[in-house]
């Protein structure tokens, strides 16, 4: 696994909010804390940039439990999005300085 990309995270700032649009961890590295470390790095960056809130979305079949463990709270959900039988969740976390 040497020289292999373990994961990555992408976010975009808009005013006082940072939206995480992508968090991906290679399957071989899941359960080793890579996702948590990426989230912590993004939150540290948000504090340095004086961001007040981080937002993200996830679907029922993705990582809702992971984000809840990271301290994010669901503020909205849409049923049957993006397809019937699936729920899309909207989450946010206030950043303290």
PDB file of N, CA and C in Angstrom:
ATOM      1  N   UNK A   1       0.815  -1.204   0.000  1.00  0.00           N
ATOM      2  CA  UNK A   1       0.000   0.000   0.000  1.00  0.00           C
ATOM      3  C   UNK A   1       0.857   1.266   0.000  1.00  0.00           C
ATOM      4  N   UNK A   2       2.133   1.091  -0.084  1.00  0.00           N
ATOM      5  CA  UNK A   2       3.017   2.236  -0.115  1.00  0.00           C
ATOM      6  C   UNK A   2       2.764   3.057  -1.377  1.00  0.00           C
ATOM      7  N   UNK A   3       2.807   4.368  -1.231  1.00  0.00           N
ATOM      8  CA  UNK A   3       2.587   5.303  -2.332  1.00  0.00           C
ATOM      9  C   UNK A   3       1.175   5.232  -2.904  1.00  0.00           C
ATOM     10  N   UNK A   4       0.229   4.751  -2.129  1.00  0.00           N
ATOM     11  CA  UNK A   4      -1.167   4.685  -2.576  1.00  0.00           C
ATOM     12  C   UNK A   4      -1.954   5.791  -1.886  1.00  0.00           C
ATOM     13  N   UNK A   5      -2.820   6.445  -2.624  1.00  0.00           N
ATOM     14  CA  UNK A   5      -3.672   7.483  -2.067  1.00  0.00           C
ATOM     15  C   UNK A   5      -4.702   6.841  -1.150  1.00  0.00           C
ATOM     16  N   UNK A   6      -4.763   7.266   0.104  1.00  0.00           N
ATOM     17  CA  UNK A   6      -5.680   6.683   1.085  1.00  0.00           C
ATOM     18  C   UNK A   6      -7.051   7.340   1.038  1.00  0.00           C
ATOM     19  N   UNK A   7      -7.093   8.640   0.734  1.00  0.00           N
ATOM     20  CA  UNK A   7      -8.371   9.334   0.706  1.00  0.00           C
ATOM     21  C   UNK A   7      -8.186  10.796   0.388  1.00  0.00           C
ATOM     22  N   UNK A   8      -9.307  11.491   0.324  1.00  0.00           N
ATOM     23  CA  UNK A   8      -9.260  12.917   0.039  1.00  0.00           C
ATOM     24  C   UNK A   8     -10.554  13.595   0.445  1.00  0.00           C
ATOM     25  N   UNK A   9     -10.482  14.906   0.569  1.00  0.00           N
ATOM     26  CA  UNK A   9     -11.643  15.703   0.962  1.00  0.00           C
ATOM     27  C   UNK A   9     -11.629  17.002   0.160  1.00  0.00           C
ATOM     28  N   UNK A  10     -12.820  17.450  -0.248  1.00  0.00           N
ATOM     29  CA  UNK A  10     -12.957  18.675  -1.037  1.00  0.00           C
ATOM     30  C   UNK A  10     -14.023  19.546  -0.384  1.00  0.00           C
ATOM     31  N   UNK A  11     -13.694  20.807  -0.206  1.00  0.00           N
ATOM     32  CA  UNK A  11     -14.651  21.750   0.355  1.00  0.00           C
ATOM     33  C   UNK A  11     -14.552  23.090  -0.338  1.00  0.00           C
ATOM     34  N   UNK A  12     -15.634  23.841  -0.270  1.00  0.00           N
ATOM     35  CA  UNK A  12     -15.660  25.173  -0.886  1.00  0.00           C
ATOM     36  C   UNK A  12     -16.252  26.160   0.113  1.00  0.00           C
ATOM     37  N   UNK A  13     -15.551  27.247   0.289  1.00  0.00           N
ATOM     38  CA  UNK A  13     -16.017  28.288   1.195  1.00  0.00           C
ATOM     39  C   UNK A  13     -16.915  29.265   0.455  1.00  0.00           C
ATOM     40  N   UNK A  14     -17.998  29.631   1.132  1.00  0.00           N
ATOM     41  CA  UNK A  14     -18.861  30.689   0.638  1.00  0.00           C
ATOM     42  C   UNK A  14     -19.258  31.540   1.842  1.00  0.00           C
ATOM     43  N   UNK A  15     -18.737  32.744   1.894  1.00  0.00           N
ATOM     44  CA  UNK A  15     -18.927  33.646   3.019  1.00  0.00           C
ATOM     45  C   UNK A  15     -18.420  32.992   4.305  1.00  0.00           C
ATOM     46  N   UNK A  16     -19.269  32.799   5.307  1.00  0.00           N
ATOM     47  CA  UNK A  16     -18.854  32.239   6.592  1.00  0.00           C
ATOM     48  C   UNK A  16     -19.105  30.742   6.687  1.00  0.00           C
ATOM     49  N   UNK A  17     -19.376  30.106   5.570  1.00  0.00           N
ATOM     50  CA  UNK A  17     -19.702  28.674   5.556  1.00  0.00           C
ATOM     51  C   UNK A  17     -18.754  27.929   4.629  1.00  0.00           C
ATOM     52  N   UNK A  18     -18.395  26.725   5.044  1.00  0.00           N
ATOM     53  CA  UNK A  18     -17.602  25.827   4.216  1.00  0.00           C
ATOM     54  C   UNK A  18     -18.470  24.607   3.929  1.00  0.00           C
ATOM     55  N   UNK A  19     -18.625  24.274   2.657  1.00  0.00           N
ATOM     56  CA  UNK A  19     -19.421  23.103   2.290  1.00  0.00           C
ATOM     57  C   UNK A  19     -18.489  21.994   1.814  1.00  0.00           C
ATOM     58  N   UNK A  20     -18.561  20.850   2.485  1.00  0.00           N
ATOM     59  CA  UNK A  20     -17.784  19.685   2.064  1.00  0.00           C
ATOM     60  C   UNK A  20     -18.586  18.977   0.978  1.00  0.00           C
ATOM     61  N   UNK A  21     -18.020  18.941  -0.208  1.00  0.00           N
ATOM     62  CA  UNK A  21     -18.726  18.328  -1.335  1.00  0.00           C
ATOM     63  C   UNK A  21     -18.281  16.896  -1.588  1.00  0.00           C
ATOM     64  N   UNK A  22     -17.123  16.517  -1.042  1.00  0.00           N
ATOM     65  CA  UNK A  22     -16.634  15.166  -1.282  1.00  0.00           C
ATOM     66  C   UNK A  22     -15.706  14.729  -0.162  1.00  0.00           C
ATOM     67  N   UNK A  23     -15.939  13.543   0.332  1.00  0.00           N
ATOM     68  CA  UNK A  23     -15.021  12.855   1.245  1.00  0.00           C
ATOM     69  C   UNK A  23     -14.952  11.420   0.772  1.00  0.00           C
ATOM     70  N   UNK A  24     -13.776  10.982   0.414  1.00  0.00           N
ATOM     71  CA  UNK A  24     -13.623   9.611  -0.062  1.00  0.00           C
ATOM     72  C   UNK A  24     -12.415   8.957   0.583  1.00  0.00           C
ATOM     73  N   UNK A  25     -12.589   7.702   1.005  1.00  0.00           N
ATOM     74  CA  UNK A  25     -11.496   6.934   1.591  1.00  0.00           C
ATOM     75  C   UNK A  25     -11.447   5.589   0.876  1.00  0.00           C
ATOM     76  N   UNK A  26     -10.268   5.243   0.379  1.00  0.00           N
ATOM     77  CA  UNK A  26     -10.081   3.957  -0.282  1.00  0.00           C
ATOM     78  C   UNK A  26     -10.535   2.845   0.664  1.00  0.00           C
ATOM     79  N   UNK A  27     -11.219   1.868   0.116  1.00  0.00           N
ATOM     80  CA  UNK A  27     -11.774   0.781   0.927  1.00  0.00           C
ATOM     81  C   UNK A  27     -10.724   0.095   1.806  1.00  0.00           C
ATOM     82  N   UNK A  28      -9.507  -0.021   1.312  1.00  0.00           N
ATOM     83  CA  UNK A  28      -8.435  -0.666   2.070  1.00  0.00           C
ATOM     84  C   UNK A  28      -8.048   0.127   3.316  1.00  0.00           C
ATOM     85  N   UNK A  29      -8.369   1.429   3.355  1.00  0.00           N
ATOM     86  CA  UNK A  29      -8.001   2.284   4.474  1.00  0.00           C
ATOM     87  C   UNK A  29      -9.179   2.615   5.383  1.00  0.00           C
ATOM     88  N   UNK A  30     -10.354   2.156   5.042  1.00  0.00           N
ATOM     89  CA  UNK A  30     -11.506   2.412   5.892  1.00  0.00           C
ATOM     90  C   UNK A  30     -11.352   1.660   7.201  1.00  0.00           C
ATOM     91  N   UNK A  31     -11.894   2.209   8.244  1.00  0.00           N
ATOM     92  CA  UNK A  31     -11.807   1.668   9.613  1.00  0.00           C
ATOM     93  C   UNK A  31     -10.451   1.909  10.267  1.00  0.00           C
ATOM     94  N   UNK A  32      -9.603   2.763   9.662  1.00  0.00           N
ATOM     95  CA  UNK A  32      -8.309   3.098  10.258  1.00  0.00           C
ATOM     96  C   UNK A  32      -8.238   4.572  10.664  1.00  0.00           C
ATOM     97  N   UNK A  33      -9.375   5.273  10.643  1.00  0.00           N
ATOM     98  CA  UNK A  33      -9.405   6.665  11.077  1.00  0.00           C
ATOM     99  C   UNK A  33      -9.034   7.686  10.028  1.00  0.00           C
ATOM    100  N   UNK A  34      -8.869   7.259   8.790  1.00  0.00           N
ATOM    101  CA  UNK A  34      -8.480   8.198   7.726  1.00  0.00           C
ATOM    102  C   UNK A  34      -9.560   9.256   7.517  1.00  0.00           C
ATOM    103  N   UNK A  35     -10.817   8.826   7.441  1.00  0.00           N
ATOM    104  CA  UNK A  35     -11.921   9.774   7.247  1.00  0.00           C
ATOM    105  C   UNK A  35     -11.999  10.782   8.382  1.00  0.00           C
ATOM    106  N   UNK A  36     -11.852  10.312   9.603  1.00  0.00           N
ATOM    107  CA  UNK A  36     -11.887  11.212  10.769  1.00  0.00           C
ATOM    108  C   UNK A  36     -10.751  12.223  10.715  1.00  0.00           C
ATOM    109  N   UNK A  37      -9.561  11.772  10.322  1.00  0.00           N
ATOM    110  CA  UNK A  37      -8.413  12.686  10.226  1.00  0.00           C
ATOM    111  C   UNK A  37      -8.621  13.721   9.136  1.00  0.00           C
ATOM    112  N   UNK A  38      -9.218  13.317   8.024  1.00  0.00           N
ATOM    113  CA  UNK A  38      -9.515  14.279   6.957  1.00  0.00           C
ATOM    114  C   UNK A  38     -10.531  15.318   7.431  1.00  0.00           C
ATOM    115  N   UNK A  39     -11.547  14.867   8.144  1.00  0.00           N
ATOM    116  CA  UNK A  39     -12.555  15.796   8.674  1.00  0.00           C
ATOM    117  C   UNK A  39     -11.922  16.755   9.681  1.00  0.00           C
ATOM    118  N   UNK A  40     -11.063  16.248  10.556  1.00  0.00           N
ATOM    119  CA  UNK A  40     -10.385  17.097  11.538  1.00  0.00           C
ATOM    120  C   UNK A  40      -9.503  18.137  10.850  1.00  0.00           C
ATOM    121  N   UNK A  41      -8.822  17.732   9.793  1.00  0.00           N
ATOM    122  CA  UNK A  41      -7.978  18.672   9.051  1.00  0.00           C
ATOM    123  C   UNK A  41      -8.825  19.771   8.411  1.00  0.00           C
ATOM    124  N   UNK A  42      -9.982  19.390   7.871  1.00  0.00           N
ATOM    125  CA  UNK A  42     -10.864  20.388   7.252  1.00  0.00           C
ATOM    126  C   UNK A  42     -11.413  21.339   8.320  1.00  0.00           C
ATOM    127  N   UNK A  43     -11.753  20.808   9.477  1.00  0.00           N
ATOM    128  CA  UNK A  43     -12.257  21.665  10.555  1.00  0.00           C
ATOM    129  C   UNK A  43     -11.175  22.610  11.062  1.00  0.00           C
ATOM    130  N   UNK A  44      -9.947  22.138  11.162  1.00  0.00           N
ATOM    131  CA  UNK A  44      -8.832  22.994  11.570  1.00  0.00           C
ATOM    132  C   UNK A  44      -8.642  24.119  10.558  1.00  0.00           C
ATOM    133  N   UNK A  45      -8.714  23.768   9.290  1.00  0.00           N
ATOM    134  CA  UNK A  45      -8.615  24.780   8.225  1.00  0.00           C
ATOM    135  C   UNK A  45      -9.760  25.794   8.349  1.00  0.00           C
ATOM    136  N   UNK A  46     -10.951  25.306   8.644  1.00  0.00           N
ATOM    137  CA  UNK A  46     -12.115  26.192   8.791  1.00  0.00           C
ATOM    138  C   UNK A  46     -11.899  27.192   9.926  1.00  0.00           C
ATOM    139  N   UNK A  47     -11.343  26.731  11.038  1.00  0.00           N
ATOM    140  CA  UNK A  47     -11.062  27.624  12.168  1.00  0.00           C
ATOM    141  C   UNK A  47     -10.059  28.692  11.748  1.00  0.00           C
ATOM    142  N   UNK A  48      -8.998  28.291  11.065  1.00  0.00           N
ATOM    143  CA  UNK A  48      -7.973  29.241  10.613  1.00  0.00           C
ATOM    144  C   UNK A  48      -8.561  30.278   9.660  1.00  0.00           C
ATOM    145  N   UNK A  49      -9.537  29.854   8.861  1.00  0.00           N
ATOM    146  CA  UNK A  49     -10.164  30.759   7.888  1.00  0.00           C
ATOM    147  C   UNK A  49     -11.363  31.512   8.470  1.00  0.00           C
ATOM    148  N   UNK A  50     -11.606  31.341   9.758  1.00  0.00           N
ATOM    149  CA  UNK A  50     -12.697  32.000  10.485  1.00  0.00           C
ATOM    150  C   UNK A  50     -14.075  31.651   9.933  1.00  0.00           C
ATOM    151  N   UNK A  51     -14.212  30.417   9.489  1.00  0.00           N
ATOM    152  CA  UNK A  51     -15.501  29.901   9.045  1.00  0.00           C
ATOM    153  C   UNK A  51     -16.352  29.610  10.277  1.00  0.00           C
ATOM    154  N   UNK A  52     -17.642  29.863  10.199  1.00  0.00           N
ATOM    155  CA  UNK A  52     -18.528  29.645  11.344  1.00  0.00           C
ATOM    156  C   UNK A  52     -19.269  28.315  11.294  1.00  0.00           C
ATOM    157  N   UNK A  53     -19.528  27.825  10.080  1.00  0.00           N
ATOM    158  CA  UNK A  53     -20.324  26.607   9.931  1.00  0.00           C
ATOM    159  C   UNK A  53     -19.764  25.760   8.799  1.00  0.00           C
ATOM    160  N   UNK A  54     -19.779  24.446   8.993  1.00  0.00           N
ATOM    161  CA  UNK A  54     -19.458  23.510   7.917  1.00  0.00           C
ATOM    162  C   UNK A  54     -20.733  22.740   7.601  1.00  0.00           C
ATOM    163  N   UNK A  55     -21.044  22.613   6.315  1.00  0.00           N
ATOM    164  CA  UNK A  55     -22.218  21.857   5.886  1.00  0.00           C
ATOM    165  C   UNK A  55     -21.781  20.724   4.967  1.00  0.00           C
ATOM    166  N   UNK A  56     -22.653  19.732   4.823  1.00  0.00           N
ATOM    167  CA  UNK A  56     -22.425  18.630   3.901  1.00  0.00           C
ATOM    168  C   UNK A  56     -23.732  17.893   3.701  1.00  0.00           C
ATOM    169  N   UNK A  57     -23.757  17.030   2.702  1.00  0.00           N
ATOM    170  CA  UNK A  57     -24.919  16.175   2.472  1.00  0.00           C
ATOM    171  C   UNK A  57     -24.448  14.731   2.365  1.00  0.00           C
ATOM    172  N   UNK A  58     -25.335  13.825   2.683  1.00  0.00           N
ATOM    173  CA  UNK A  58     -25.064  12.405   2.515  1.00  0.00           C
ATOM    174  C   UNK A  58     -26.387  11.700   2.258  1.00  0.00           C
ATOM    175  N   UNK A  59     -26.305  10.507   1.739  1.00  0.00           N
ATOM    176  CA  UNK A  59     -27.517   9.717   1.478  1.00  0.00           C
ATOM    177  C   UNK A  59     -27.604   8.581   2.483  1.00  0.00           C
ATOM    178  N   UNK A  60     -28.791   8.002   2.595  1.00  0.00           N
ATOM    179  CA  UNK A  60     -29.039   6.951   3.576  1.00  0.00           C
ATOM    180  C   UNK A  60     -28.066   5.789   3.433  1.00  0.00           C
ATOM    181  N   UNK A  61     -27.632   5.484   2.226  1.00  0.00           N
ATOM    182  CA  UNK A  61     -26.743   4.347   1.992  1.00  0.00           C
ATOM    183  C   UNK A  61     -25.269   4.723   2.105  1.00  0.00           C
ATOM    184  N   UNK A  62     -24.973   5.959   2.467  1.00  0.00           N
ATOM    185  CA  UNK A  62     -23.583   6.396   2.554  1.00  0.00           C
ATOM    186  C   UNK A  62     -23.112   6.429   4.013  1.00  0.00           C
ATOM    187  N   UNK A  63     -22.848   7.599   4.562  1.00  0.00           N
ATOM    188  CA  UNK A  63     -22.108   7.688   5.826  1.00  0.00           C
ATOM    189  C   UNK A  63     -22.787   8.542   6.893  1.00  0.00           C
ATOM    190  N   UNK A  64     -24.095   8.476   7.013  1.00  0.00           N
ATOM    191  CA  UNK A  64     -24.785   9.299   8.006  1.00  0.00           C
ATOM    192  C   UNK A  64     -24.228   9.070   9.406  1.00  0.00           C
ATOM    193  N   UNK A  65     -24.085   7.828   9.820  1.00  0.00           N
ATOM    194  CA  UNK A  65     -23.575   7.520  11.159  1.00  0.00           C
ATOM    195  C   UNK A  65     -22.186   8.086  11.407  1.00  0.00           C
ATOM    196  N   UNK A  66     -21.340   8.028  10.393  1.00  0.00           N
ATOM    197  CA  UNK A  66     -19.984   8.580  10.501  1.00  0.00           C
ATOM    198  C   UNK A  66     -20.037  10.071  10.800  1.00  0.00           C
ATOM    199  N   UNK A  67     -20.845  10.812  10.048  1.00  0.00           N
ATOM    200  CA  UNK A  67     -20.912  12.260  10.244  1.00  0.00           C
ATOM    201  C   UNK A  67     -21.533  12.622  11.590  1.00  0.00           C
ATOM    202  N   UNK A  68     -22.504  11.865  12.037  1.00  0.00           N
ATOM    203  CA  UNK A  68     -23.088  12.111  13.361  1.00  0.00           C
ATOM    204  C   UNK A  68     -22.025  11.923  14.446  1.00  0.00           C
ATOM    205  N   UNK A  69     -21.180  10.922  14.307  1.00  0.00           N
ATOM    206  CA  UNK A  69     -20.085  10.697  15.264  1.00  0.00           C
ATOM    207  C   UNK A  69     -19.079  11.840  15.254  1.00  0.00           C
ATOM    208  N   UNK A  70     -18.971  12.531  14.131  1.00  0.00           N
ATOM    209  CA  UNK A  70     -18.050  13.657  14.009  1.00  0.00           C
ATOM    210  C   UNK A  70     -18.638  14.943  14.592  1.00  0.00           C
ATOM    211  N   UNK A  71     -19.865  14.880  15.105  1.00  0.00           N
ATOM    212  CA  UNK A  71     -20.483  16.046  15.722  1.00  0.00           C
ATOM    213  C   UNK A  71     -21.387  16.845  14.807  1.00  0.00           C
ATOM    214  N   UNK A  72     -21.675  16.337  13.621  1.00  0.00           N
ATOM    215  CA  UNK A  72     -22.573  17.032  12.697  1.00  0.00           C
ATOM    216  C   UNK A  72     -24.013  16.706  13.065  1.00  0.00           C
ATOM    217  N   UNK A  73     -24.910  17.639  12.815  1.00  0.00           N
ATOM    218  CA  UNK A  73     -26.326  17.468  13.125  1.00  0.00           C
ATOM    219  C   UNK A  73     -27.158  17.572  11.860  1.00  0.00           C
ATOM    220  N   UNK A  74     -28.162  16.728  11.756  1.00  0.00           N
ATOM    221  CA  UNK A  74     -29.080  16.768  10.618  1.00  0.00           C
ATOM    222  C   UNK A  74     -29.991  17.977  10.787  1.00  0.00           C
ATOM    223  N   UNK A  75     -30.059  18.834   9.762  1.00  0.00           N
ATOM    224  CA  UNK A  75     -30.984  19.964   9.812  1.00  0.00           C
ATOM    225  C   UNK A  75     -32.069  19.852   8.746  1.00  0.00           C
ATOM    226  N   UNK A  76     -31.966  18.827   7.910  1.00  0.00           N
ATOM    227  CA  UNK A  76     -32.998  18.623   6.901  1.00  0.00           C
ATOM    228  C   UNK A  76     -32.810  17.292   6.206  1.00  0.00           C
ATOM    229  N   UNK A  77     -33.882  16.834   5.604  1.00  0.00           N
ATOM    230  CA  UNK A  77     -33.815  15.600   4.826  1.00  0.00           C
ATOM    231  C   UNK A  77     -34.879  15.622   3.750  1.00  0.00           C
ATOM    232  N   UNK A  78     -34.582  14.944   2.653  1.00  0.00           N
ATOM    233  CA  UNK A  78     -35.516  14.815   1.546  1.00  0.00           C
ATOM    234  C   UNK A  78     -35.690  13.337   1.230  1.00  0.00           C
ATOM    235  N   UNK A  79     -36.904  12.871   1.305  1.00  0.00           N
ATOM    236  CA  UNK A  79     -37.189  11.488   0.959  1.00  0.00           C
ATOM    237  C   UNK A  79     -37.251  11.314  -0.545  1.00  0.00           C
ATOM    238  N   UNK A  80     -36.938  10.121  -0.979  1.00  0.00           N
ATOM    239  CA  UNK A  80     -36.970   9.766  -2.399  1.00  0.00           C
ATOM    240  C   UNK A  80     -36.037  10.619  -3.248  1.00  0.00           C
ATOM    241  N   UNK A  81     -34.903  11.017  -2.665  1.00  0.00           N
ATOM    242  CA  UNK A  81     -33.891  11.792  -3.385  1.00  0.00           C
ATOM    243  C   UNK A  81     -32.546  11.111  -3.161  1.00  0.00           C
ATOM    244  N   UNK A  82     -31.795  10.778  -4.142  1.00  0.00           N
ATOM    245  CA  UNK A  82     -31.969  11.061  -5.558  1.00  0.00           C
ATOM    246  C   UNK A  82     -32.840  10.041  -6.287  1.00  0.00           C
ATOM    247  N   UNK A  83     -33.319   9.001  -5.557  1.00  0.00           N
ATOM    248  CA  UNK A  83     -34.189   8.006  -6.187  1.00  0.00           C
ATOM    249  C   UNK A  83     -35.192   7.508  -5.155  1.00  0.00           C
ATOM    250  N   UNK A  84     -36.243   6.900  -5.620  1.00  0.00           N
ATOM    251  CA  UNK A  84     -37.280   6.385  -4.731  1.00  0.00           C
ATOM    252  C   UNK A  84     -36.681   5.430  -3.702  1.00  0.00           C
ATOM    253  N   UNK A  85     -37.108   5.599  -2.458  1.00  0.00           N
ATOM    254  CA  UNK A  85     -36.649   4.731  -1.394  1.00  0.00           C
ATOM    255  C   UNK A  85     -35.362   5.172  -0.716  1.00  0.00           C
ATOM    256  N   UNK A  86     -34.792   6.276  -1.158  1.00  0.00           N
ATOM    257  CA  UNK A  86     -33.549   6.792  -0.590  1.00  0.00           C
ATOM    258  C   UNK A  86     -33.797   8.161   0.027  1.00  0.00           C
ATOM    259  N   UNK A  87     -33.106   8.454   1.104  1.00  0.00           N
ATOM    260  CA  UNK A  87     -33.215   9.759   1.752  1.00  0.00           C
ATOM    261  C   UNK A  87     -31.887  10.486   1.654  1.00  0.00           C
ATOM    262  N   UNK A  88     -31.957  11.773   1.324  1.00  0.00           N
ATOM    263  CA  UNK A  88     -30.775  12.635   1.305  1.00  0.00           C
ATOM    264  C   UNK A  88     -30.819  13.475   2.566  1.00  0.00           C
ATOM    265  N   UNK A  89     -29.698  13.496   3.319  1.00  0.00           N
ATOM    266  CA  UNK A  89     -29.611  14.240   4.572  1.00  0.00           C
ATOM    267  C   UNK A  89     -28.712  15.459   4.418  1.00  0.00           C
ATOM    268  N   UNK A  90     -29.113  16.542   5.057  1.00  0.00           N
ATOM    269  CA  UNK A  90     -28.352  17.784   5.084  1.00  0.00           C
ATOM    270  C   UNK A  90     -27.849  17.961   6.512  1.00  0.00           C
ATOM    271  N   UNK A  91     -26.536  18.134   6.669  1.00  0.00           N
ATOM    272  CA  UNK A  91     -25.936  18.218   7.988  1.00  0.00           C
ATOM    273  C   UNK A  91     -25.110  19.490   8.129  1.00  0.00           C
ATOM    274  N   UNK A  92     -24.922  19.922   9.382  1.00  0.00           N
ATOM    275  CA  UNK A  92     -24.124  21.112   9.673  1.00  0.00           C
ATOM    276  C   UNK A  92     -23.436  20.935  11.018  1.00  0.00           C
ATOM    277  N   UNK A  93     -22.333  21.663  11.157  1.00  0.00           N
ATOM    278  CA  UNK A  93     -21.614  21.713  12.420  1.00  0.00           C
ATOM    279  C   UNK A  93     -21.113  23.133  12.625  1.00  0.00           C
ATOM    280  N   UNK A  94     -21.425  23.713  13.774  1.00  0.00           N
ATOM    281  CA  UNK A  94     -20.915  25.040  14.122  1.00  0.00           C
ATOM    282  C   UNK A  94     -19.465  24.878  14.554  1.00  0.00           C
ATOM    283  N   UNK A  95     -18.624  25.774  14.092  1.00  0.00           N
ATOM    284  CA  UNK A  95     -17.194  25.727  14.403  1.00  0.00           C
ATOM    285  C   UNK A  95     -16.897  26.745  15.489  1.00  0.00           C
ATOM    286  N   UNK A  96     -16.273  26.268  16.552  1.00  0.00           N
ATOM    287  CA  UNK A  96     -15.891  27.178  17.633  1.00  0.00           C
ATOM    288  C   UNK A  96     -14.440  27.592  17.444  1.00  0.00           C
ATOM    289  N   UNK A  97     -14.161  28.766  17.846  1.00  0.00           N
ATOM    290  CA  UNK A  97     -12.799  29.288  17.687  1.00  0.00           C
ATOM    291  C   UNK A  97     -12.042  29.171  18.974  1.00  0.00           C
TER     292      UNK A  97
END
